N, C-alpha and C. Protein backbone atom coordinates (compact mmCIF):
# COMPACT_ATOMS: atom_id res chain seq x y z
N MET A 1 -19.36 -76.80 37.16
CA MET A 1 -17.90 -76.84 37.12
C MET A 1 -17.44 -76.58 35.70
N LEU A 2 -17.11 -75.36 35.39
CA LEU A 2 -16.58 -74.94 34.10
C LEU A 2 -17.47 -75.31 32.92
N GLY A 3 -18.75 -75.39 33.14
CA GLY A 3 -19.67 -75.70 32.06
C GLY A 3 -19.67 -77.16 31.63
N LEU A 4 -19.06 -78.04 32.40
CA LEU A 4 -19.05 -79.46 32.06
C LEU A 4 -20.36 -80.11 32.46
N SER A 5 -20.66 -81.21 31.79
CA SER A 5 -21.86 -81.94 32.17
C SER A 5 -21.65 -82.60 33.53
N ARG A 6 -22.73 -83.01 34.13
CA ARG A 6 -22.69 -83.65 35.44
C ARG A 6 -21.85 -84.93 35.41
N GLU A 7 -22.02 -85.73 34.36
CA GLU A 7 -21.28 -86.97 34.24
C GLU A 7 -19.78 -86.73 34.06
N ALA A 8 -19.43 -85.73 33.28
CA ALA A 8 -18.02 -85.40 33.06
C ALA A 8 -17.36 -84.96 34.36
N THR A 9 -18.07 -84.20 35.16
CA THR A 9 -17.53 -83.74 36.44
C THR A 9 -17.27 -84.91 37.37
N ILE A 10 -18.19 -85.86 37.40
CA ILE A 10 -18.02 -87.04 38.25
C ILE A 10 -16.82 -87.85 37.79
N ILE A 11 -16.69 -88.04 36.48
CA ILE A 11 -15.56 -88.80 35.95
C ILE A 11 -14.24 -88.12 36.25
N ILE A 12 -14.20 -86.80 36.12
CA ILE A 12 -12.97 -86.07 36.41
C ILE A 12 -12.60 -86.19 37.88
N LEU A 13 -13.57 -86.07 38.77
CA LEU A 13 -13.29 -86.21 40.21
C LEU A 13 -12.80 -87.61 40.54
N LEU A 14 -13.38 -88.63 39.92
CA LEU A 14 -12.91 -90.00 40.15
C LEU A 14 -11.50 -90.21 39.59
N ALA A 15 -11.21 -89.59 38.46
CA ALA A 15 -9.87 -89.69 37.88
C ALA A 15 -8.84 -89.02 38.79
N VAL A 16 -9.18 -87.87 39.34
CA VAL A 16 -8.28 -87.18 40.27
C VAL A 16 -8.06 -88.03 41.52
N ALA A 17 -9.12 -88.64 42.02
CA ALA A 17 -8.98 -89.52 43.19
C ALA A 17 -8.06 -90.69 42.88
N GLY A 18 -8.22 -91.29 41.71
CA GLY A 18 -7.35 -92.39 41.31
C GLY A 18 -5.90 -91.96 41.17
N PHE A 19 -5.68 -90.80 40.59
CA PHE A 19 -4.34 -90.26 40.45
C PHE A 19 -3.70 -90.05 41.83
N LEU A 20 -4.46 -89.51 42.76
CA LEU A 20 -3.95 -89.27 44.11
C LEU A 20 -3.67 -90.59 44.84
N ILE A 21 -4.50 -91.60 44.63
CA ILE A 21 -4.25 -92.90 45.25
C ILE A 21 -2.95 -93.49 44.71
N GLY A 22 -2.69 -93.31 43.43
CA GLY A 22 -1.41 -93.73 42.87
C GLY A 22 -0.24 -93.02 43.53
N GLY A 23 -0.42 -91.74 43.82
CA GLY A 23 0.62 -90.99 44.53
C GLY A 23 0.83 -91.51 45.95
N VAL A 24 -0.25 -91.91 46.60
CA VAL A 24 -0.14 -92.49 47.95
C VAL A 24 0.68 -93.77 47.87
N TYR A 25 0.36 -94.61 46.92
CA TYR A 25 1.07 -95.89 46.76
C TYR A 25 2.56 -95.66 46.50
N THR A 26 2.87 -94.67 45.69
CA THR A 26 4.25 -94.40 45.33
C THR A 26 5.05 -93.80 46.47
N THR A 27 4.46 -92.90 47.24
CA THR A 27 5.22 -92.16 48.24
C THR A 27 5.14 -92.73 49.65
N TYR A 28 4.36 -93.75 49.87
CA TYR A 28 4.11 -94.20 51.25
C TYR A 28 5.39 -94.61 51.98
N LYS A 29 6.28 -95.34 51.34
CA LYS A 29 7.48 -95.81 52.04
C LYS A 29 8.48 -94.69 52.32
N SER A 30 8.53 -93.69 51.45
CA SER A 30 9.56 -92.66 51.62
C SER A 30 9.06 -91.40 52.32
N ALA A 31 7.81 -91.06 52.17
CA ALA A 31 7.29 -89.81 52.73
C ALA A 31 5.87 -90.03 53.24
N LYS A 32 5.77 -90.53 54.44
CA LYS A 32 4.47 -90.89 54.99
C LYS A 32 3.55 -89.67 55.18
N PHE A 33 4.12 -88.54 55.54
CA PHE A 33 3.30 -87.35 55.72
C PHE A 33 2.68 -86.92 54.40
N LEU A 34 3.48 -86.88 53.34
CA LEU A 34 2.97 -86.52 52.02
C LEU A 34 1.93 -87.54 51.56
N ALA A 35 2.17 -88.82 51.83
CA ALA A 35 1.20 -89.85 51.46
C ALA A 35 -0.11 -89.64 52.20
N THR A 36 -0.04 -89.21 53.44
CA THR A 36 -1.25 -88.93 54.21
C THR A 36 -2.03 -87.77 53.60
N LEU A 37 -1.32 -86.73 53.20
CA LEU A 37 -1.99 -85.59 52.56
C LEU A 37 -2.63 -86.00 51.23
N LEU A 38 -1.91 -86.82 50.46
CA LEU A 38 -2.47 -87.29 49.19
C LEU A 38 -3.70 -88.17 49.43
N ALA A 39 -3.65 -89.01 50.46
CA ALA A 39 -4.80 -89.85 50.78
C ALA A 39 -6.00 -89.00 51.18
N LEU A 40 -5.77 -87.95 51.94
CA LEU A 40 -6.85 -87.04 52.32
C LEU A 40 -7.46 -86.39 51.08
N GLY A 41 -6.60 -85.96 50.16
CA GLY A 41 -7.10 -85.38 48.92
C GLY A 41 -7.90 -86.38 48.10
N ALA A 42 -7.44 -87.63 48.07
CA ALA A 42 -8.16 -88.67 47.34
C ALA A 42 -9.52 -88.93 47.97
N LEU A 43 -9.57 -88.94 49.28
CA LEU A 43 -10.86 -89.13 49.96
C LEU A 43 -11.81 -87.97 49.67
N LEU A 44 -11.29 -86.77 49.66
CA LEU A 44 -12.14 -85.60 49.36
C LEU A 44 -12.64 -85.64 47.91
N ALA A 45 -11.77 -85.98 46.98
CA ALA A 45 -12.19 -86.05 45.58
C ALA A 45 -13.20 -87.18 45.36
N GLY A 46 -12.92 -88.33 45.94
CA GLY A 46 -13.85 -89.45 45.82
C GLY A 46 -15.18 -89.16 46.49
N GLY A 47 -15.12 -88.58 47.67
CA GLY A 47 -16.35 -88.21 48.37
C GLY A 47 -17.13 -87.15 47.62
N GLY A 48 -16.42 -86.21 47.01
CA GLY A 48 -17.09 -85.19 46.20
C GLY A 48 -17.77 -85.79 44.99
N ALA A 49 -17.13 -86.78 44.37
CA ALA A 49 -17.73 -87.44 43.22
C ALA A 49 -19.00 -88.19 43.62
N VAL A 50 -18.93 -88.89 44.73
CA VAL A 50 -20.10 -89.63 45.21
C VAL A 50 -21.22 -88.67 45.59
N ALA A 51 -20.87 -87.59 46.30
CA ALA A 51 -21.89 -86.61 46.69
C ALA A 51 -22.52 -85.96 45.46
N TRP A 52 -21.71 -85.65 44.45
CA TRP A 52 -22.22 -85.04 43.23
C TRP A 52 -23.16 -86.00 42.51
N TRP A 53 -22.78 -87.30 42.52
CA TRP A 53 -23.58 -88.31 41.86
C TRP A 53 -24.93 -88.51 42.54
N LEU A 54 -24.92 -88.47 43.89
CA LEU A 54 -26.14 -88.71 44.66
C LEU A 54 -27.03 -87.47 44.79
N SER A 55 -26.45 -86.31 44.51
CA SER A 55 -27.25 -85.08 44.67
C SER A 55 -28.36 -85.03 43.62
N SER A 56 -29.40 -84.36 43.99
CA SER A 56 -30.52 -84.26 43.07
C SER A 56 -30.34 -83.09 42.12
N SER A 57 -30.63 -83.34 40.86
CA SER A 57 -30.66 -82.24 39.88
C SER A 57 -31.22 -82.71 38.58
């Protein structure tokens, strides 16, 4: 991923997941559909970070 180290990539993915979870918390009462999309993105980013961490290399 753009020449970053493995650890940096995992940290960035976790940061993106955290940012998206904050968006879910903020938008849930006013825009449930958008909150659902943000939650899906957070799950994908978090899952990607975990998969990257567990992958062998």
